[in-house]
Protein backbone atom coordinates (compact mmCIF):
# COMPACT_ATOMS: atom_id res chain seq x y z
CA UNK A 1 103.98 98.37 85.32
CA UNK A 2 104.14 101.15 82.40
CA UNK A 3 106.36 103.99 83.63
CA UNK A 4 104.69 106.59 82.03
CA UNK A 5 101.46 105.44 84.31
CA UNK A 6 103.71 105.23 87.48
CA UNK A 7 104.83 108.75 86.69
CA UNK A 8 101.27 110.09 86.07
CA UNK A 9 100.19 108.65 89.34
CA UNK A 10 103.08 110.52 91.45
CA UNK A 11 102.04 113.68 89.91
CA UNK A 12 98.57 113.02 90.50
CA UNK A 13 99.07 112.53 93.95
CA UNK A 14 101.67 115.41 94.40
CA UNK A 15 99.00 117.65 93.03
CA UNK A 16 96.19 116.51 95.32
CA UNK A 17 98.29 116.69 98.32
CA UNK A 18 99.63 120.53 97.30
CA UNK A 19 96.01 121.46 96.70
CA UNK A 20 95.04 120.34 100.12
CA UNK A 21 97.93 122.41 101.67
CA UNK A 22 97.26 125.75 99.71
CA UNK A 23 93.60 125.68 100.64
CA UNK A 24 93.90 124.05 104.16
CA UNK A 25 96.37 127.23 105.02
CA UNK A 26 93.69 129.72 103.56
CA UNK A 27 90.76 128.97 105.94
CA UNK A 28 89.80 130.64 108.82
CA UNK A 29 90.57 129.05 112.00
CA UNK A 30 89.46 129.89 115.92
CA UNK A 31 91.49 132.46 117.51
CA UNK A 32 93.91 131.44 120.37
CA UNK A 33 93.89 132.84 123.44
CA UNK A 34 95.98 132.63 126.30
CA UNK A 35 95.58 133.75 129.57
CA UNK A 36 97.18 136.33 130.81
CA UNK A 37 97.75 137.57 134.30
CA UNK A 38 96.93 140.90 134.85
CA UNK A 39 94.12 141.50 132.19
CA UNK A 40 90.81 141.64 133.60
CA UNK A 41 87.63 142.39 132.39
CA UNK A 42 84.61 144.26 134.21
CA UNK A 43 80.80 143.71 133.05
CA UNK A 44 78.08 146.56 133.43
CA UNK A 45 75.74 143.75 133.16
CA UNK A 46 74.92 140.43 131.63
CA UNK A 47 71.70 139.92 131.08
CA UNK A 48 68.63 141.90 129.66
CA UNK A 49 65.08 142.04 129.78
CA UNK A 50 63.97 143.68 126.37
CA UNK A 51 60.29 143.31 127.18
CA UNK A 52 57.74 143.27 123.95
CA UNK A 53 60.03 142.85 120.45
CA UNK A 54 57.66 144.37 117.72
CA UNK A 55 58.12 141.47 114.82
CA UNK A 56 57.98 144.47 112.05
CA UNK A 57 60.64 146.60 113.84
CA UNK A 58 63.52 144.82 112.27
CA UNK A 59 66.91 144.19 113.97
CA UNK A 60 66.83 144.99 117.66
CA UNK A 61 70.17 145.81 119.05
CA UNK A 62 71.27 145.81 122.79
CA UNK A 63 74.79 146.56 124.06
CA UNK A 64 76.61 144.96 126.88
CA UNK A 65 79.66 147.41 127.88
CA UNK A 66 82.52 146.15 129.32
CA UNK A 67 85.75 147.37 130.36
CA UNK A 68 89.26 146.23 131.02
CA UNK A 69 90.20 147.15 134.76
CA UNK A 70 93.25 145.02 134.69
CA UNK A 71 96.89 146.21 134.22
CA UNK A 72 97.41 143.95 130.95
CA UNK A 73 95.66 144.09 127.34
CA UNK A 74 92.32 142.31 127.42
CA UNK A 75 91.88 140.22 124.30
CA UNK A 76 88.50 139.40 123.33
CA UNK A 77 87.61 136.56 120.36
CA UNK A 78 85.61 133.95 119.19
CA UNK A 79 82.08 135.66 120.00
CA UNK A 80 79.30 133.36 118.93
CA UNK A 81 75.61 133.36 119.27
CA UNK A 82 72.96 130.53 120.22
CA UNK A 83 70.50 131.06 117.43
CA UNK A 84 71.11 131.99 113.80
CA UNK A 85 68.51 134.90 114.49
CA UNK A 86 71.21 136.67 116.38
CA UNK A 87 74.18 138.08 115.51
CA UNK A 88 76.83 139.86 117.76
CA UNK A 89 79.97 141.94 117.22
CA UNK A 90 82.27 144.16 119.41
CA UNK A 91 82.40 147.63 119.35
CA UNK A 92 85.38 149.80 120.49
CA UNK A 93 86.66 153.39 119.66
CA UNK A 94 89.47 151.66 118.19
CA UNK A 95 88.04 148.38 116.40
CA UNK A 96 84.70 147.28 115.24
CA UNK A 97 84.48 143.67 114.50
CA UNK A 98 82.54 141.73 112.07
CA UNK A 99 79.14 140.31 112.62
CA UNK A 100 79.41 136.96 114.17
CA UNK A 101 76.79 134.67 113.99
CA UNK A 102 75.39 130.94 115.48
CA UNK A 103 78.72 128.44 116.64
CA UNK A 104 78.85 125.83 113.90
CA UNK A 105 77.03 127.74 111.45
CA UNK A 106 79.61 130.44 110.40
CA UNK A 107 83.15 130.27 109.74
CA UNK A 108 85.51 130.06 112.81
CA UNK A 109 87.40 133.15 112.75
CA UNK A 110 91.04 134.44 114.00
CA UNK A 111 89.71 137.83 114.86
CA UNK A 112 90.76 139.63 118.24
CA UNK A 113 89.81 142.86 119.91
CA UNK A 114 92.00 144.27 122.21
CA UNK A 115 91.20 146.67 125.22
CA UNK A 116 94.17 148.53 126.48
CA UNK A 117 94.10 149.01 130.40
CA UNK A 118 90.98 151.79 131.31
CA UNK A 119 89.36 151.19 127.79
CA UNK A 120 85.94 150.15 127.33
CA UNK A 121 83.94 148.58 124.51
CA UNK A 122 80.95 147.20 124.09
CA UNK A 123 79.40 143.63 122.94
CA UNK A 124 76.47 144.33 120.64
CA UNK A 125 73.53 141.56 120.45
CA UNK A 126 71.85 141.90 117.37
CA UNK A 127 68.49 140.20 117.18
CA UNK A 128 66.34 139.73 114.06
CA UNK A 129 62.40 139.37 115.22
CA UNK A 130 61.70 138.23 111.69
CA UNK A 131 64.06 135.83 111.17
CA UNK A 132 61.94 132.65 112.18
CA UNK A 133 58.75 134.01 110.09
CA UNK A 134 55.49 135.34 111.39
CA UNK A 135 55.18 131.84 113.49
CA UNK A 136 58.29 132.92 115.43
CA UNK A 137 56.16 135.26 117.85
CA UNK A 138 56.22 134.53 121.50
CA UNK A 139 58.89 134.31 124.47
CA UNK A 140 62.09 134.04 123.33
CA UNK A 141 65.65 134.21 125.32
CA UNK A 142 69.12 134.19 123.55
CA UNK A 143 72.44 133.85 124.27
CA UNK A 144 75.86 135.72 123.13
CA UNK A 145 79.40 134.53 123.90
CA UNK A 146 83.04 135.71 124.07
CA UNK A 147 86.18 134.36 125.18
CA UNK A 148 88.98 136.35 126.67
CA UNK A 149 92.60 136.21 128.15
CA UNK A 150 91.26 137.33 131.93
CA UNK A 151 92.13 134.14 134.08
CA UNK A 152 89.16 134.58 135.89
CA UNK A 153 86.58 135.23 132.96
CA UNK A 154 87.66 133.30 130.17
CA UNK A 155 84.22 132.48 128.92
CA UNK A 156 81.61 135.13 129.17
CA UNK A 157 77.72 134.77 128.36
CA UNK A 158 75.53 137.66 127.58
CA UNK A 159 71.72 136.81 127.78
CA UNK A 160 68.67 138.69 126.85
CA UNK A 161 65.35 137.74 126.61
CA UNK A 162 62.01 139.40 125.42
CA UNK A 163 58.65 138.72 124.17
CA UNK A 164 58.31 138.76 120.38
CA UNK A 165 54.91 140.30 118.96
CA UNK A 166 52.95 141.52 116.06
């Protein structure tokens, strides 16, 4: 075989592998949370009936208050929703996350929220009644979820339901 051809193939392979390594390293990945003895989440309520949700009202938010009643930092990560019509975010006095959507429909994120012992925050679910169009009226039931480093509650779900009406 021709030496120039072999060298060209080697350069091409090195370039492709280098390109793959660079771009694989730039992508977000799911946050890793290790269970921590002493981290303890307190949940005010985990479900809510929103009643009638007016279709033309726009995005309807609902806050689920949480608190760290432990002795160690409480980590919150990997927020997701059960439907693309819903977004979820973490709000505290020190930190607000971006809005996260349906699992598998949005990029994984390595974002983590931290609640110091005694601190409170909110998990905010935002439901867009118009997302499914005019045919999306009727009963709805949605779930938002989070992961924590609380060994007793590593995965927490919050549910809301209602009736989309015109």
